[in-house]
């Protein structure tokens, strides 16, 4: 589990003022930013000597620090080989 990421009060306030004035927040910002959280789980499996397989699952709450983007679930697989 990772700790939440919070956007500073000053940034939130400046984005809110810009939005209220009808100004764009930026091409990659989809709303006034607040906070995001990532819940992460992974496990290491020793498949063979020197080969580690690590499946991973992440659930991101408020991606982009905004409430306009839906929460997202992500899965991945990492393969580590020590030769």
Protein backbone atom coordinates (compact mmCIF):
# COMPACT_ATOMS: atom_id res chain seq x y z
CA UNK A 1 0.00 0.00 0.00
CA UNK A 2 1.36 3.38 -0.93
CA UNK A 3 0.59 6.55 0.95
CA UNK A 4 -1.81 9.03 -0.62
CA UNK A 5 -0.47 11.81 -2.78
CA UNK A 6 -1.92 15.21 -1.95
CA UNK A 7 -1.77 18.33 -4.09
CA UNK A 8 -0.80 21.49 -2.21
CA UNK A 9 -3.51 23.87 -1.06
CA UNK A 10 -1.97 26.66 -3.16
CA UNK A 11 -2.09 24.60 -6.36
CA UNK A 12 -5.73 23.60 -5.72
CA UNK A 13 -6.66 27.22 -5.06
CA UNK A 14 -4.89 28.51 -8.18
CA UNK A 15 -6.54 25.83 -10.33
CA UNK A 16 -9.95 26.64 -8.84
CA UNK A 17 -9.47 30.36 -9.55
CA UNK A 18 -8.35 29.64 -13.12
CA UNK A 19 -11.30 27.33 -13.69
CA UNK A 20 -13.74 29.89 -12.26
CA UNK A 21 -12.26 32.52 -14.61
CA UNK A 22 -12.77 30.19 -17.60
CA UNK A 23 -9.05 29.66 -18.17
CA UNK A 24 -7.68 26.26 -19.25
CA UNK A 25 -5.86 24.23 -16.60
CA UNK A 26 -3.50 22.58 -19.08
CA UNK A 27 -3.70 19.88 -21.71
CA UNK A 28 -3.13 17.00 -19.27
CA UNK A 29 -5.17 18.29 -16.30
CA UNK A 30 -8.82 17.24 -16.36
CA UNK A 31 -10.10 19.16 -13.33
CA UNK A 32 -9.00 20.79 -10.10
CA UNK A 33 -6.44 18.42 -8.57
CA UNK A 34 -6.82 17.18 -5.01
CA UNK A 35 -5.35 13.77 -4.15
CA UNK A 36 -4.80 10.24 -5.44
CA UNK A 37 -4.17 6.88 -3.82
CA UNK A 38 -2.56 3.69 -5.10
CA UNK A 39 -3.21 0.28 -3.57
CA UNK A 40 -0.60 -2.20 -4.75
CA UNK A 41 -0.11 -5.93 -4.26
CA UNK A 42 2.66 -8.08 -5.70
CA UNK A 43 4.24 -11.44 -5.05
CA UNK A 44 7.56 -12.98 -6.07
CA UNK A 45 7.64 -16.56 -7.38
CA UNK A 46 10.98 -18.37 -7.81
CA UNK A 47 10.15 -20.27 -11.02
CA UNK A 48 13.65 -21.61 -11.65
CA UNK A 49 17.08 -20.88 -10.13
CA UNK A 50 17.86 -17.29 -11.12
CA UNK A 51 14.38 -16.56 -12.54
CA UNK A 52 11.83 -14.61 -10.53
CA UNK A 53 8.27 -14.03 -11.75
CA UNK A 54 6.45 -11.18 -10.06
CA UNK A 55 2.72 -10.66 -10.76
CA UNK A 56 1.45 -7.23 -9.69
CA UNK A 57 -1.96 -5.63 -9.17
CA UNK A 58 -2.60 -1.90 -8.67
CA UNK A 59 -5.80 -0.03 -7.99
CA UNK A 60 -5.58 3.73 -8.47
CA UNK A 61 -8.14 5.95 -6.76
CA UNK A 62 -8.59 9.38 -8.41
CA UNK A 63 -6.00 9.10 -11.22
CA UNK A 64 -4.48 12.46 -12.08
CA UNK A 65 -5.41 13.74 -8.62
CA UNK A 66 -8.91 14.61 -9.87
CA UNK A 67 -12.37 13.15 -9.35
CA UNK A 68 -13.27 13.45 -13.06
CA UNK A 69 -11.30 10.36 -14.14
CA UNK A 70 -12.74 6.99 -13.02
CA UNK A 71 -10.73 4.76 -10.70
CA UNK A 72 -8.53 2.27 -12.54
CA UNK A 73 -7.38 -1.31 -11.95
CA UNK A 74 -4.09 -2.39 -13.51
CA UNK A 75 -2.33 -5.75 -13.65
CA UNK A 76 1.17 -6.56 -14.76
CA UNK A 77 3.85 -9.20 -14.78
CA UNK A 78 7.56 -8.68 -14.20
CA UNK A 79 10.19 -11.25 -15.09
CA UNK A 80 13.63 -10.93 -13.46
CA UNK A 81 16.49 -13.13 -14.66
CA UNK A 82 19.88 -13.26 -12.93
CA UNK A 83 22.37 -14.90 -15.28
